[in-house]
Amino acid sequence: MRESNFAFPAQNKACVCITSQLYDRRALDTSSALPLFNSLTHLTYLTSTSPRIREIMTMDGGLERLVRILRDFCMSPPPPQSPAAFYGLLPPNYRPPRPPPQLNPPQGQFDKHAAYRFSLAFQCVVNIGVRGS
C-alpha cells in the first residue's frame, strides 16, 4: 500500500482527500479512517453524477481499491473503535490488535464507522456498475 500521509499544500491539508470538485486516486489508499470517510462521501457524489470519474476509476485502479475495502470488511469486520482512534488523537505508532477473522459477528460487535465506510464504498461500486463507464 502507498504512503498515506501526503502533504497537499494547495488545500492546506496533511493528506490528499477527494472533494466534490477533485478526484485523486491516492486518497483511497489512506489507512486513516477520517480522511477515507470524507473521501468516500465525496466519491459517492462524483460517481453518481460524472461519467468521466466513473471511467477514470475503472482505468486507474480506484474500482479495485473499493472492492478491496468491501472484501476487508466482509472477511473480518473490525471491532468497535474508540472515538479517539477515529479522529486521530492516539499516538501515531499505536496499532490496535487485530481480532481473528469472524464472519457474521454478534450484533454490536463491529465498528459502526467501518460499516458506514463499507456502505459508502458499496454505493460507489453500484454507481459504477449500474451507470456504466
N, C-alpha and C. Protein backbone atom coordinates (compact mmCIF):
# COMPACT_ATOMS: atom_id res chain seq x y z
N MET A 1 0.84 -1.17 0.00
CA MET A 1 0.00 0.00 0.00
C MET A 1 0.89 1.24 0.00
N ARG A 2 0.39 2.27 -0.60
CA ARG A 2 1.16 3.51 -0.69
C ARG A 2 1.19 4.24 0.65
N GLU A 3 2.11 5.17 0.76
CA GLU A 3 2.20 6.01 1.96
C GLU A 3 0.94 6.85 2.07
N SER A 4 0.37 6.93 3.28
CA SER A 4 -0.92 7.59 3.42
C SER A 4 -0.82 9.07 3.77
N ASN A 5 0.31 9.55 4.22
CA ASN A 5 0.40 10.94 4.68
C ASN A 5 1.07 11.81 3.62
N PHE A 6 0.32 12.16 2.60
CA PHE A 6 0.82 13.08 1.59
C PHE A 6 0.57 14.50 2.06
N ALA A 7 1.51 15.37 1.79
CA ALA A 7 1.27 16.79 2.04
C ALA A 7 0.52 17.34 0.83
N PHE A 8 -0.48 18.14 1.07
CA PHE A 8 -1.27 18.72 -0.01
C PHE A 8 -1.38 20.21 0.24
N PRO A 9 -0.29 20.97 -0.04
CA PRO A 9 -0.26 22.39 0.28
C PRO A 9 -1.33 23.21 -0.44
N ALA A 10 -1.79 22.78 -1.60
CA ALA A 10 -2.78 23.57 -2.33
C ALA A 10 -4.07 23.74 -1.54
N GLN A 11 -4.43 22.73 -0.75
CA GLN A 11 -5.63 22.83 0.07
C GLN A 11 -5.32 22.94 1.55
N ASN A 12 -4.03 23.11 1.89
CA ASN A 12 -3.59 23.24 3.27
C ASN A 12 -4.03 22.04 4.11
N LYS A 13 -3.79 20.83 3.57
CA LYS A 13 -4.18 19.60 4.26
C LYS A 13 -2.97 18.70 4.41
N ALA A 14 -3.03 17.86 5.43
CA ALA A 14 -1.92 16.95 5.68
C ALA A 14 -2.00 15.70 4.81
N CYS A 15 -3.15 15.42 4.24
CA CYS A 15 -3.28 14.26 3.36
C CYS A 15 -4.21 14.60 2.20
N VAL A 16 -4.12 13.82 1.16
CA VAL A 16 -4.95 14.04 -0.02
C VAL A 16 -6.35 13.50 0.26
N CYS A 17 -7.36 14.29 -0.04
CA CYS A 17 -8.76 13.87 0.10
C CYS A 17 -9.49 14.17 -1.20
N ILE A 18 -10.48 13.35 -1.49
CA ILE A 18 -11.34 13.59 -2.63
C ILE A 18 -12.38 14.63 -2.21
N THR A 19 -12.61 15.61 -3.06
CA THR A 19 -13.66 16.60 -2.80
C THR A 19 -14.69 16.50 -3.91
N SER A 20 -15.72 17.30 -3.82
CA SER A 20 -16.76 17.26 -4.85
C SER A 20 -16.28 17.84 -6.18
N GLN A 21 -15.12 18.50 -6.20
CA GLN A 21 -14.57 19.03 -7.44
C GLN A 21 -13.30 18.31 -7.89
N LEU A 22 -12.71 17.47 -7.04
CA LEU A 22 -11.40 16.90 -7.33
C LEU A 22 -11.37 15.42 -7.01
N TYR A 23 -10.97 14.60 -7.98
CA TYR A 23 -10.76 13.17 -7.75
C TYR A 23 -9.26 12.90 -7.79
N ASP A 24 -8.75 12.23 -6.77
CA ASP A 24 -7.35 11.84 -6.73
C ASP A 24 -7.28 10.41 -6.20
N ARG A 25 -6.72 9.51 -6.98
CA ARG A 25 -6.66 8.09 -6.62
C ARG A 25 -5.94 7.86 -5.30
N ARG A 26 -4.94 8.67 -4.99
CA ARG A 26 -4.16 8.48 -3.76
C ARG A 26 -5.00 8.59 -2.50
N ALA A 27 -6.12 9.29 -2.56
CA ALA A 27 -6.97 9.48 -1.38
C ALA A 27 -7.59 8.17 -0.92
N LEU A 28 -7.74 7.20 -1.81
CA LEU A 28 -8.34 5.92 -1.43
C LEU A 28 -7.33 5.00 -0.75
N ASP A 29 -6.05 5.32 -0.82
CA ASP A 29 -5.02 4.46 -0.23
C ASP A 29 -4.69 4.80 1.21
N THR A 30 -5.35 5.75 1.79
CA THR A 30 -5.03 6.14 3.16
C THR A 30 -5.44 5.05 4.14
N SER A 31 -4.70 4.94 5.22
CA SER A 31 -5.04 3.97 6.26
C SER A 31 -5.78 4.66 7.41
N SER A 32 -5.92 5.96 7.36
CA SER A 32 -6.64 6.71 8.39
C SER A 32 -8.14 6.69 8.09
N ALA A 33 -8.93 6.52 9.14
CA ALA A 33 -10.37 6.36 8.96
C ALA A 33 -11.07 7.65 8.54
N LEU A 34 -10.73 8.76 9.14
CA LEU A 34 -11.46 10.00 8.87
C LEU A 34 -11.25 10.53 7.45
N PRO A 35 -10.00 10.61 6.94
CA PRO A 35 -9.85 11.06 5.55
C PRO A 35 -10.51 10.11 4.54
N LEU A 36 -10.46 8.81 4.83
CA LEU A 36 -11.11 7.85 3.94
C LEU A 36 -12.62 8.04 3.95
N PHE A 37 -13.18 8.29 5.12
CA PHE A 37 -14.62 8.53 5.25
C PHE A 37 -15.03 9.77 4.45
N ASN A 38 -14.27 10.85 4.59
CA ASN A 38 -14.56 12.08 3.83
C ASN A 38 -14.44 11.85 2.33
N SER A 39 -13.39 11.13 1.93
CA SER A 39 -13.18 10.88 0.50
C SER A 39 -14.30 10.02 -0.08
N LEU A 40 -14.72 8.99 0.65
CA LEU A 40 -15.79 8.13 0.15
C LEU A 40 -17.12 8.88 0.06
N THR A 41 -17.35 9.80 0.99
CA THR A 41 -18.58 10.59 0.94
C THR A 41 -18.62 11.43 -0.33
N HIS A 42 -17.52 12.09 -0.65
CA HIS A 42 -17.47 12.90 -1.87
C HIS A 42 -17.45 12.02 -3.12
N LEU A 43 -16.80 10.87 -3.04
CA LEU A 43 -16.72 9.98 -4.19
C LEU A 43 -18.10 9.42 -4.56
N THR A 44 -18.95 9.21 -3.57
CA THR A 44 -20.31 8.75 -3.85
C THR A 44 -21.03 9.76 -4.73
N TYR A 45 -20.89 11.03 -4.41
CA TYR A 45 -21.50 12.08 -5.23
C TYR A 45 -20.89 12.09 -6.64
N LEU A 46 -19.56 12.00 -6.71
CA LEU A 46 -18.90 12.06 -8.01
C LEU A 46 -19.29 10.90 -8.91
N THR A 47 -19.35 9.68 -8.34
CA THR A 47 -19.70 8.52 -9.17
C THR A 47 -21.16 8.54 -9.60
N SER A 48 -22.00 9.23 -8.86
CA SER A 48 -23.41 9.29 -9.25
C SER A 48 -23.67 10.36 -10.31
N THR A 49 -22.78 11.33 -10.45
CA THR A 49 -23.04 12.44 -11.37
C THR A 49 -22.10 12.50 -12.57
N SER A 50 -20.90 11.93 -12.48
CA SER A 50 -19.91 12.16 -13.52
C SER A 50 -19.50 10.87 -14.24
N PRO A 51 -19.85 10.74 -15.52
CA PRO A 51 -19.39 9.57 -16.28
C PRO A 51 -17.86 9.55 -16.43
N ARG A 52 -17.26 10.72 -16.49
CA ARG A 52 -15.80 10.79 -16.64
C ARG A 52 -15.09 10.22 -15.41
N ILE A 53 -15.59 10.52 -14.21
CA ILE A 53 -14.99 9.98 -12.99
C ILE A 53 -15.15 8.47 -12.95
N ARG A 54 -16.32 7.97 -13.36
CA ARG A 54 -16.53 6.52 -13.38
C ARG A 54 -15.56 5.85 -14.33
N GLU A 55 -15.31 6.46 -15.48
CA GLU A 55 -14.36 5.90 -16.44
C GLU A 55 -12.94 5.94 -15.89
N ILE A 56 -12.56 7.05 -15.29
CA ILE A 56 -11.21 7.16 -14.72
C ILE A 56 -10.99 6.11 -13.64
N MET A 57 -12.01 5.89 -12.80
CA MET A 57 -11.86 4.92 -11.71
C MET A 57 -11.67 3.50 -12.23
N THR A 58 -12.27 3.16 -13.36
CA THR A 58 -12.07 1.82 -13.91
C THR A 58 -10.67 1.67 -14.51
N MET A 59 -10.05 2.78 -14.89
CA MET A 59 -8.72 2.72 -15.50
C MET A 59 -7.58 2.80 -14.49
N ASP A 60 -7.73 3.57 -13.42
CA ASP A 60 -6.59 3.84 -12.54
C ASP A 60 -6.51 2.95 -11.30
N GLY A 61 -7.39 1.99 -11.15
CA GLY A 61 -7.33 1.10 -10.00
C GLY A 61 -8.21 1.52 -8.84
N GLY A 62 -8.97 2.57 -9.00
CA GLY A 62 -9.86 3.02 -7.93
C GLY A 62 -10.97 2.02 -7.65
N LEU A 63 -11.48 1.39 -8.70
CA LEU A 63 -12.53 0.39 -8.52
C LEU A 63 -12.01 -0.81 -7.74
N GLU A 64 -10.79 -1.24 -8.05
CA GLU A 64 -10.19 -2.36 -7.32
C GLU A 64 -9.99 -2.03 -5.85
N ARG A 65 -9.61 -0.79 -5.57
CA ARG A 65 -9.43 -0.38 -4.17
C ARG A 65 -10.77 -0.39 -3.43
N LEU A 66 -11.84 0.04 -4.07
CA LEU A 66 -13.15 -0.02 -3.44
C LEU A 66 -13.56 -1.46 -3.15
N VAL A 67 -13.30 -2.35 -4.09
CA VAL A 67 -13.62 -3.76 -3.88
C VAL A 67 -12.79 -4.33 -2.73
N ARG A 68 -11.54 -3.90 -2.61
CA ARG A 68 -10.70 -4.35 -1.50
C ARG A 68 -11.23 -3.86 -0.15
N ILE A 69 -11.75 -2.64 -0.11
CA ILE A 69 -12.37 -2.12 1.12
C ILE A 69 -13.56 -2.99 1.49
N LEU A 70 -14.38 -3.34 0.51
CA LEU A 70 -15.55 -4.19 0.76
C LEU A 70 -15.12 -5.57 1.25
N ARG A 71 -14.12 -6.16 0.60
CA ARG A 71 -13.66 -7.51 0.97
C ARG A 71 -13.08 -7.53 2.37
N ASP A 72 -12.28 -6.53 2.71
CA ASP A 72 -11.67 -6.49 4.04
C ASP A 72 -12.72 -6.41 5.14
N PHE A 73 -13.77 -5.64 4.90
CA PHE A 73 -14.82 -5.54 5.92
C PHE A 73 -15.59 -6.86 6.03
N CYS A 74 -15.89 -7.49 4.90
CA CYS A 74 -16.67 -8.74 4.93
C CYS A 74 -15.87 -9.89 5.55
N MET A 75 -14.58 -9.94 5.29
CA MET A 75 -13.77 -11.04 5.81
C MET A 75 -13.56 -10.94 7.31
N SER A 76 -13.39 -9.74 7.81
CA SER A 76 -13.14 -9.56 9.23
C SER A 76 -13.60 -8.16 9.65
N PRO A 77 -14.88 -8.02 10.02
CA PRO A 77 -15.35 -6.70 10.45
C PRO A 77 -14.57 -6.22 11.67
N PRO A 78 -14.06 -5.00 11.64
CA PRO A 78 -13.25 -4.52 12.76
C PRO A 78 -14.08 -4.37 14.02
N PRO A 79 -13.45 -4.56 15.18
CA PRO A 79 -14.18 -4.38 16.45
C PRO A 79 -14.50 -2.90 16.66
N PRO A 80 -15.39 -2.60 17.60
CA PRO A 80 -15.70 -1.19 17.87
C PRO A 80 -14.44 -0.39 18.17
N GLN A 81 -14.37 0.80 17.62
CA GLN A 81 -13.18 1.63 17.76
C GLN A 81 -13.53 2.83 18.62
N SER A 82 -12.58 3.24 19.44
CA SER A 82 -12.82 4.41 20.28
C SER A 82 -12.83 5.67 19.42
N PRO A 83 -13.59 6.68 19.81
CA PRO A 83 -13.60 7.93 19.04
C PRO A 83 -12.22 8.56 18.94
N ALA A 84 -11.37 8.35 19.93
CA ALA A 84 -10.02 8.92 19.88
C ALA A 84 -9.24 8.35 18.70
N ALA A 85 -9.43 7.08 18.41
CA ALA A 85 -8.74 6.47 17.28
C ALA A 85 -9.32 6.98 15.96
N PHE A 86 -10.63 7.16 15.89
CA PHE A 86 -11.27 7.62 14.65
C PHE A 86 -10.82 9.03 14.29
N TYR A 87 -10.72 9.90 15.26
CA TYR A 87 -10.34 11.29 14.99
C TYR A 87 -8.83 11.51 15.04
N GLY A 88 -8.05 10.46 15.16
CA GLY A 88 -6.60 10.57 15.10
C GLY A 88 -5.96 11.17 16.33
N LEU A 89 -6.53 10.92 17.50
CA LEU A 89 -5.99 11.50 18.73
C LEU A 89 -5.06 10.55 19.48
N LEU A 90 -4.80 9.38 18.93
CA LEU A 90 -3.89 8.42 19.56
C LEU A 90 -2.49 8.62 18.98
N PRO A 91 -1.46 8.10 19.66
CA PRO A 91 -0.10 8.23 19.13
C PRO A 91 0.01 7.62 17.73
N PRO A 92 0.89 8.14 16.89
CA PRO A 92 0.97 7.65 15.51
C PRO A 92 1.39 6.20 15.39
N ASN A 93 2.13 5.68 16.36
CA ASN A 93 2.59 4.29 16.25
C ASN A 93 1.62 3.31 16.92
N TYR A 94 0.48 3.77 17.41
CA TYR A 94 -0.49 2.89 18.05
C TYR A 94 -1.25 2.08 17.00
N ARG A 95 -1.23 0.78 17.15
CA ARG A 95 -1.99 -0.12 16.28
C ARG A 95 -2.78 -1.07 17.16
N PRO A 96 -4.11 -1.01 17.12
CA PRO A 96 -4.90 -1.93 17.95
C PRO A 96 -4.72 -3.36 17.46
N PRO A 97 -4.78 -4.33 18.36
CA PRO A 97 -4.63 -5.72 17.93
C PRO A 97 -5.78 -6.12 17.01
N ARG A 98 -5.46 -6.88 15.99
CA ARG A 98 -6.46 -7.32 15.01
C ARG A 98 -7.07 -8.63 15.49
N PRO A 99 -8.39 -8.71 15.63
CA PRO A 99 -9.02 -9.95 16.07
C PRO A 99 -8.97 -11.01 14.97
N PRO A 100 -9.15 -12.27 15.31
CA PRO A 100 -9.18 -13.30 14.27
C PRO A 100 -10.38 -13.10 13.35
N PRO A 101 -10.26 -13.51 12.09
CA PRO A 101 -11.39 -13.34 11.17
C PRO A 101 -12.64 -14.04 11.68
N GLN A 102 -13.78 -13.37 11.55
CA GLN A 102 -15.04 -13.92 12.05
C GLN A 102 -16.17 -13.43 11.15
N LEU A 103 -16.83 -14.36 10.47
CA LEU A 103 -17.97 -13.98 9.65
C LEU A 103 -19.19 -13.81 10.54
N ASN A 104 -20.01 -12.83 10.23
CA ASN A 104 -21.23 -12.55 10.97
C ASN A 104 -21.00 -12.41 12.47
N PRO A 105 -20.29 -11.36 12.90
CA PRO A 105 -20.08 -11.17 14.34
C PRO A 105 -21.40 -10.86 15.03
N PRO A 106 -21.47 -11.08 16.34
CA PRO A 106 -22.71 -10.77 17.06
C PRO A 106 -23.07 -9.29 16.93
N GLN A 107 -24.35 -9.01 17.11
CA GLN A 107 -24.84 -7.63 16.98
C GLN A 107 -24.08 -6.69 17.91
N GLY A 108 -23.60 -5.57 17.38
CA GLY A 108 -22.90 -4.58 18.18
C GLY A 108 -21.43 -4.88 18.40
N GLN A 109 -20.90 -5.92 17.76
CA GLN A 109 -19.51 -6.30 17.96
C GLN A 109 -18.61 -5.85 16.81
N PHE A 110 -19.06 -4.91 16.00
CA PHE A 110 -18.22 -4.38 14.93
C PHE A 110 -18.31 -2.87 14.92
N ASP A 111 -17.35 -2.26 14.27
CA ASP A 111 -17.23 -0.80 14.24
C ASP A 111 -18.29 -0.19 13.33
N LYS A 112 -19.09 0.71 13.87
CA LYS A 112 -20.16 1.34 13.09
C LYS A 112 -19.59 2.27 12.01
N HIS A 113 -18.47 2.94 12.29
CA HIS A 113 -17.85 3.80 11.28
C HIS A 113 -17.35 2.96 10.11
N ALA A 114 -16.77 1.79 10.41
CA ALA A 114 -16.31 0.91 9.34
C ALA A 114 -17.48 0.40 8.52
N ALA A 115 -18.61 0.13 9.17
CA ALA A 115 -19.80 -0.31 8.44
C ALA A 115 -20.30 0.81 7.52
N TYR A 116 -20.21 2.05 7.97
CA TYR A 116 -20.63 3.16 7.12
C TYR A 116 -19.67 3.36 5.95
N ARG A 117 -18.37 3.17 6.20
CA ARG A 117 -17.40 3.24 5.09
C ARG A 117 -17.69 2.13 4.08
N PHE A 118 -18.04 0.94 4.57
CA PHE A 118 -18.43 -0.17 3.69
C PHE A 118 -19.63 0.24 2.84
N SER A 119 -20.62 0.85 3.47
CA SER A 119 -21.82 1.27 2.77
C SER A 119 -21.51 2.30 1.68
N LEU A 120 -20.64 3.25 1.99
CA LEU A 120 -20.27 4.27 1.00
C LEU A 120 -19.49 3.65 -0.16
N ALA A 121 -18.55 2.74 0.16
CA ALA A 121 -17.78 2.09 -0.90
C ALA A 121 -18.70 1.24 -1.78
N PHE A 122 -19.65 0.55 -1.16
CA PHE A 122 -20.59 -0.27 -1.91
C PHE A 122 -21.45 0.61 -2.82
N GLN A 123 -21.86 1.76 -2.33
CA GLN A 123 -22.66 2.68 -3.14
C GLN A 123 -21.86 3.17 -4.35
N CYS A 124 -20.57 3.42 -4.17
CA CYS A 124 -19.72 3.84 -5.29
C CYS A 124 -19.61 2.73 -6.33
N VAL A 125 -19.40 1.49 -5.87
CA VAL A 125 -19.28 0.36 -6.80
C VAL A 125 -20.59 0.17 -7.56
N VAL A 126 -21.72 0.29 -6.88
CA VAL A 126 -23.02 0.17 -7.55
C VAL A 126 -23.20 1.27 -8.58
N ASN A 127 -22.82 2.49 -8.24
CA ASN A 127 -22.93 3.60 -9.21
C ASN A 127 -22.10 3.32 -10.46
N ILE A 128 -20.90 2.80 -10.27
CA ILE A 128 -20.03 2.50 -11.41
C ILE A 128 -20.62 1.36 -12.23
N GLY A 129 -21.13 0.32 -11.55
CA GLY A 129 -21.68 -0.83 -12.25
C GLY A 129 -22.99 -0.56 -12.96
N VAL A 130 -23.87 0.17 -12.33
CA VAL A 130 -25.20 0.40 -12.89
C VAL A 130 -25.18 1.48 -13.97
N ARG A 131 -24.48 2.57 -13.69
CA ARG A 131 -24.48 3.69 -14.63
C ARG A 131 -23.43 3.53 -15.72
N GLY A 132 -22.49 2.61 -15.51
CA GLY A 132 -21.51 2.32 -16.54
C GLY A 132 -20.40 3.34 -16.62
N SER A 133 -19.48 3.07 -17.53
CA SER A 133 -18.36 3.98 -17.73
C SER A 133 -18.16 4.22 -19.22
